Amino acid sequence: MKVVSLKPATNDNASAHAQVYEALSEDLIQGQIPPLKPLSLRGIAQRYGVSPMPVREAVRRLIAEKALELQAENKRLRVPHLTEHRLKQLTMARCWVEPELAAMAAPRMARDDIKRLRDDDATLMRALKSGDVSAYMQANHDFHFTIYRAADADLLCGMARSLWLQSGPFMRVVFGRLGTVQLPKDHHQDMIAAFEAGNADAARASMAEDIGEGMNLMLDAIGDHDLPQPKRRGRG
């Protein structure tokens, strides 16, 4: 993993833990940590330039959110395996939560928020043309969470973030293998138009279509066995 600079070290353990948690969460959402790759507390601490103590607290929190797992057989830390059954649950949950956030955001969307959405979508389209998966994922994340924050629904926004934590590493794998030119049509322009009109129903529908297409790509990849698979132990 590349080294990431956090803010200067602090004696405030709660502050250090929060910084590590946010940085590690962002790397998971952006798919910077590959699925099934073993992680260590020491390696994570070196990555963020902190002591192991705040890393332990951040990792415990991410295990509780099912973004990381501690394997029972060898006590190794990793991004969990994503089965078809689990991915279908994630798809269902995202299609429940995120369209509702979009609908809630529609009457609350400020002019500056809409400008930010346009800028994010322009960045996303440039990434599509250049085949830059990292830039695509960052712009897509920024676009969606501008909407979710505008909804002013902390509980639902937290649920959406947890779902992105669990799907981000695998989304990166799928989009990286397909290439951005094969990514599904984005519905962001339809969403922007819905927000400009304050149309909650249209915002909800466009978000549902956007999520459904992206998650279906991942389901297809699992069906074709394109996602990382855990190593099977041989007998004897």
Protein backbone atom coordinates (compact mmCIF):
# COMPACT_ATOMS: atom_id res chain seq x y z
CA MET A 1 0.00 0.00 0.00
CA LYS A 2 1.20 3.52 -0.74
CA VAL A 3 2.03 5.80 2.19
CA VAL A 4 -0.67 8.38 2.91
CA SER A 5 0.07 11.50 4.95
CA LEU A 6 -2.45 12.33 7.65
CA LYS A 7 -2.51 15.47 9.75
CA PRO A 8 0.37 15.85 12.23
CA ALA A 9 0.36 13.26 15.01
CA THR A 10 -1.60 14.17 18.09
CA ASN A 11 -1.76 12.93 21.66
CA ASP A 12 -5.52 12.87 21.37
CA ASN A 13 -6.21 9.16 20.75
CA ALA A 14 -9.82 9.85 19.77
CA SER A 15 -8.70 12.35 17.13
CA ALA A 16 -6.03 9.99 15.79
CA HIS A 17 -8.51 7.13 15.66
CA ALA A 18 -11.00 9.29 13.76
CA GLN A 19 -8.32 10.28 11.22
CA VAL A 20 -7.26 6.69 10.63
CA TYR A 21 -10.86 5.51 10.41
CA GLU A 22 -11.73 8.17 7.83
CA ALA A 23 -8.61 7.56 5.76
CA LEU A 24 -8.97 3.76 5.81
CA SER A 25 -12.69 4.03 5.05
CA GLU A 26 -11.98 6.27 2.07
CA ASP A 27 -9.38 3.82 0.74
CA LEU A 28 -11.90 0.98 1.05
CA ILE A 29 -14.65 2.94 -0.71
CA GLN A 30 -12.26 3.90 -3.51
CA GLY A 31 -11.08 0.29 -3.86
CA GLN A 32 -7.48 1.14 -2.96
CA ILE A 33 -7.27 -1.98 -0.77
CA PRO A 34 -7.72 -5.14 -2.89
CA PRO A 35 -10.23 -7.79 -1.79
CA LEU A 36 -8.82 -10.78 0.13
CA LYS A 37 -5.35 -9.24 0.46
CA PRO A 38 -3.98 -9.83 3.98
CA LEU A 39 -3.55 -6.67 6.06
CA SER A 40 -1.62 -6.06 9.25
CA LEU A 41 -2.00 -3.45 11.95
CA ARG A 42 1.67 -2.59 11.51
CA GLY A 43 1.28 -2.13 7.76
CA ILE A 44 -1.76 0.10 8.19
CA ALA A 45 0.03 2.13 10.86
CA GLN A 46 3.00 2.62 8.52
CA ARG A 47 0.69 3.62 5.70
CA TYR A 48 -0.84 6.45 7.69
CA GLY A 49 2.18 7.33 9.78
CA VAL A 50 0.56 6.63 13.16
CA SER A 51 1.01 4.28 16.10
CA PRO A 52 -0.83 0.93 16.24
CA MET A 53 -3.27 2.10 18.94
CA PRO A 54 -5.57 4.26 16.76
CA VAL A 55 -5.31 1.64 14.00
CA ARG A 56 -6.71 -1.03 16.34
CA GLU A 57 -9.70 1.15 17.17
CA ALA A 58 -10.36 2.02 13.51
CA VAL A 59 -10.06 -1.63 12.47
CA ARG A 60 -12.47 -2.76 15.21
CA ARG A 61 -15.01 -0.25 13.93
CA LEU A 62 -14.61 -1.38 10.32
CA ILE A 63 -14.94 -5.04 11.33
CA ALA A 64 -18.22 -4.15 13.06
CA GLU A 65 -19.34 -2.49 9.82
CA LYS A 66 -18.36 -5.64 7.89
CA ALA A 67 -15.92 -3.71 5.72
CA LEU A 68 -13.03 -5.79 7.13
CA GLU A 69 -12.89 -9.22 8.70
CA LEU A 70 -10.58 -11.10 11.04
CA GLN A 71 -10.34 -14.65 9.75
CA ALA A 72 -11.10 -17.18 12.45
CA GLU A 73 -8.65 -19.80 11.16
CA ASN A 74 -5.50 -17.65 11.07
CA LYS A 75 -6.47 -14.32 12.72
CA ARG A 76 -5.48 -12.43 9.58
CA LEU A 77 -7.19 -9.20 8.64
CA ARG A 78 -8.59 -8.66 5.14
CA VAL A 79 -11.43 -7.29 3.02
CA PRO A 80 -14.10 -10.03 3.18
CA HIS A 81 -14.96 -12.29 0.30
CA LEU A 82 -18.05 -11.11 -1.59
CA THR A 83 -20.38 -13.96 -2.48
CA GLU A 84 -23.26 -13.69 -4.92
CA HIS A 85 -25.71 -14.00 -2.03
CA ARG A 86 -24.05 -11.15 -0.14
CA LEU A 87 -23.82 -8.94 -3.22
CA LYS A 88 -27.53 -9.40 -3.88
CA GLN A 89 -28.21 -8.24 -0.33
CA LEU A 90 -25.98 -5.20 -0.83
CA THR A 91 -27.77 -4.41 -4.08
CA MET A 92 -31.16 -4.66 -2.42
CA ALA A 93 -30.06 -2.48 0.49
CA ARG A 94 -28.56 0.18 -1.76
CA CYS A 95 -31.71 0.25 -3.88
CA TRP A 96 -33.75 0.80 -0.73
CA VAL A 97 -31.64 3.47 0.93
CA GLU A 98 -29.99 5.60 -1.75
CA PRO A 99 -33.00 6.40 -3.96
CA GLU A 100 -34.82 7.58 -0.82
CA LEU A 101 -31.89 9.83 0.03
CA ALA A 102 -32.07 11.29 -3.48
CA ALA A 103 -35.80 11.93 -3.08
CA MET A 104 -35.23 13.60 0.30
CA ALA A 105 -32.46 15.75 -1.18
CA ALA A 106 -34.57 17.05 -4.08
CA PRO A 107 -36.40 19.85 -2.23
CA ARG A 108 -33.28 20.70 -0.19
CA MET A 109 -30.74 20.92 -3.00
CA ALA A 110 -29.07 24.35 -3.02
CA ARG A 111 -27.72 26.05 -6.14
CA ASP A 112 -24.15 25.46 -4.97
CA ASP A 113 -24.93 21.75 -4.52
CA ILE A 114 -26.20 21.49 -8.09
CA LYS A 115 -23.10 23.28 -9.39
CA ARG A 116 -20.96 20.79 -7.45
CA LEU A 117 -22.90 17.91 -9.02
CA ARG A 118 -22.28 19.33 -12.49
CA ASP A 119 -18.56 19.68 -11.76
CA ASP A 120 -18.36 16.13 -10.41
CA ASP A 121 -20.18 14.76 -13.44
CA ALA A 122 -17.88 16.66 -15.81
CA THR A 123 -14.88 15.14 -14.02
CA LEU A 124 -16.51 11.72 -14.24
CA MET A 125 -17.08 12.07 -17.99
CA ARG A 126 -13.45 13.06 -18.55
CA ALA A 127 -12.41 9.97 -16.62
CA LEU A 128 -14.68 7.83 -18.79
CA LYS A 129 -13.06 9.17 -21.96
CA SER A 130 -9.52 8.71 -20.67
CA GLY A 131 -10.16 5.30 -19.06
CA ASP A 132 -9.07 6.55 -15.63
CA VAL A 133 -10.82 4.18 -13.20
CA SER A 134 -9.45 5.93 -10.09
CA ALA A 135 -10.71 9.33 -11.19
CA TYR A 136 -14.04 7.81 -12.20
CA MET A 137 -14.56 6.21 -8.80
CA GLN A 138 -13.60 9.38 -6.91
CA ALA A 139 -15.90 11.58 -9.00
CA ASN A 140 -18.74 9.07 -8.75
CA HIS A 141 -18.36 8.92 -4.96
CA ASP A 142 -18.26 12.72 -4.69
CA PHE A 143 -21.39 13.04 -6.85
CA HIS A 144 -23.41 10.57 -4.81
CA PHE A 145 -22.40 11.85 -1.39
CA THR A 146 -23.08 15.46 -2.31
CA ILE A 147 -26.66 14.25 -2.80
CA TYR A 148 -26.78 12.18 0.37
CA ARG A 149 -25.45 14.96 2.55
CA ALA A 150 -28.02 17.36 1.09
CA ALA A 151 -30.79 14.99 2.21
CA ASP A 152 -30.06 15.99 5.83
CA ALA A 153 -30.69 12.43 7.01
CA ASP A 154 -27.66 11.34 9.03
CA LEU A 155 -28.95 7.84 9.78
CA LEU A 156 -29.67 6.98 6.14
CA CYS A 157 -26.47 8.67 4.96
CA GLY A 158 -24.50 6.54 7.42
CA MET A 159 -26.22 3.42 6.10
CA ALA A 160 -25.30 4.38 2.54
CA ARG A 161 -21.68 4.92 3.54
CA SER A 162 -21.56 1.51 5.22
CA LEU A 163 -22.87 -0.12 2.04
CA TRP A 164 -20.25 1.66 -0.06
CA LEU A 165 -17.56 0.48 2.36
CA GLN A 166 -18.55 -3.12 1.69
CA SER A 167 -18.87 -2.86 -2.09
CA GLY A 168 -16.08 -0.39 -2.99
CA PRO A 169 -13.13 -2.82 -3.17
CA PHE A 170 -15.03 -5.13 -5.52
CA MET A 171 -16.42 -2.29 -7.59
CA ARG A 172 -12.84 -1.21 -8.25
CA VAL A 173 -11.89 -4.73 -9.37
CA VAL A 174 -14.84 -5.03 -11.76
CA PHE A 175 -14.51 -1.57 -13.28
CA GLY A 176 -10.76 -1.96 -13.54
CA ARG A 177 -11.14 -5.16 -15.55
CA LEU A 178 -13.99 -3.95 -17.76
CA GLY A 179 -12.45 -0.56 -18.43
CA THR A 180 -14.41 2.64 -18.06
CA VAL A 181 -15.51 2.61 -21.70
CA GLN A 182 -17.69 -0.40 -20.85
CA LEU A 183 -19.23 1.11 -17.74
CA PRO A 184 -23.01 1.44 -17.85
CA LYS A 185 -24.61 4.70 -18.90
CA ASP A 186 -24.71 7.04 -15.96
CA HIS A 187 -27.98 8.69 -15.02
CA HIS A 188 -26.40 11.70 -13.39
CA GLN A 189 -27.72 14.23 -15.89
CA ASP A 190 -31.26 12.98 -15.24
CA MET A 191 -30.67 13.35 -11.51
CA ILE A 192 -29.35 16.89 -11.93
CA ALA A 193 -32.43 17.82 -13.96
CA ALA A 194 -34.65 16.32 -11.26
CA PHE A 195 -32.90 18.34 -8.57
CA GLU A 196 -33.18 21.55 -10.57
CA ALA A 197 -36.92 20.92 -10.84
CA GLY A 198 -37.23 19.81 -7.21
CA ASN A 199 -38.79 16.58 -8.48
CA ALA A 200 -38.35 13.94 -5.76
CA ASP A 201 -39.95 11.10 -7.76
CA ALA A 202 -37.67 11.66 -10.75
CA ALA A 203 -34.60 11.87 -8.49
CA ARG A 204 -35.58 8.61 -6.80
CA ALA A 205 -36.11 6.82 -10.13
CA SER A 206 -32.83 8.01 -11.67
CA MET A 207 -30.84 7.02 -8.60
CA ALA A 208 -32.43 3.56 -8.56
CA GLU A 209 -31.50 3.02 -12.23
CA ASP A 210 -27.95 4.27 -11.66
CA ILE A 211 -27.37 1.93 -8.71
CA GLY A 212 -29.07 -1.03 -10.37
CA GLU A 213 -26.88 -0.88 -13.47
CA GLY A 214 -23.62 -0.60 -11.53
CA MET A 215 -24.44 -3.38 -9.11
CA ASN A 216 -25.65 -5.65 -11.91
CA LEU A 217 -22.19 -5.36 -13.47
CA MET A 218 -20.78 -6.77 -10.25
CA LEU A 219 -23.37 -9.56 -10.18
CA ASP A 220 -22.46 -10.48 -13.76
CA ALA A 221 -18.78 -10.54 -12.78
CA ILE A 222 -19.48 -12.92 -9.92
CA GLY A 223 -21.45 -15.13 -12.28
CA ASP A 224 -18.47 -15.15 -14.65
CA HIS A 225 -16.07 -15.75 -11.71
CA ASP A 226 -14.18 -12.51 -12.42
CA LEU A 227 -14.04 -11.41 -8.79
CA PRO A 228 -11.23 -12.53 -6.47
CA GLN A 229 -11.91 -15.90 -4.88
CA PRO A 230 -10.53 -17.18 -1.56
CA LYS A 231 -7.82 -19.80 -1.85
CA ARG A 232 -8.99 -23.31 -1.14
CA ARG A 233 -6.89 -25.45 1.13
CA GLY A 234 -5.98 -28.84 -0.13
CA ARG A 235 -6.36 -31.94 2.05
CA GLY A 236 -3.32 -33.47 3.72
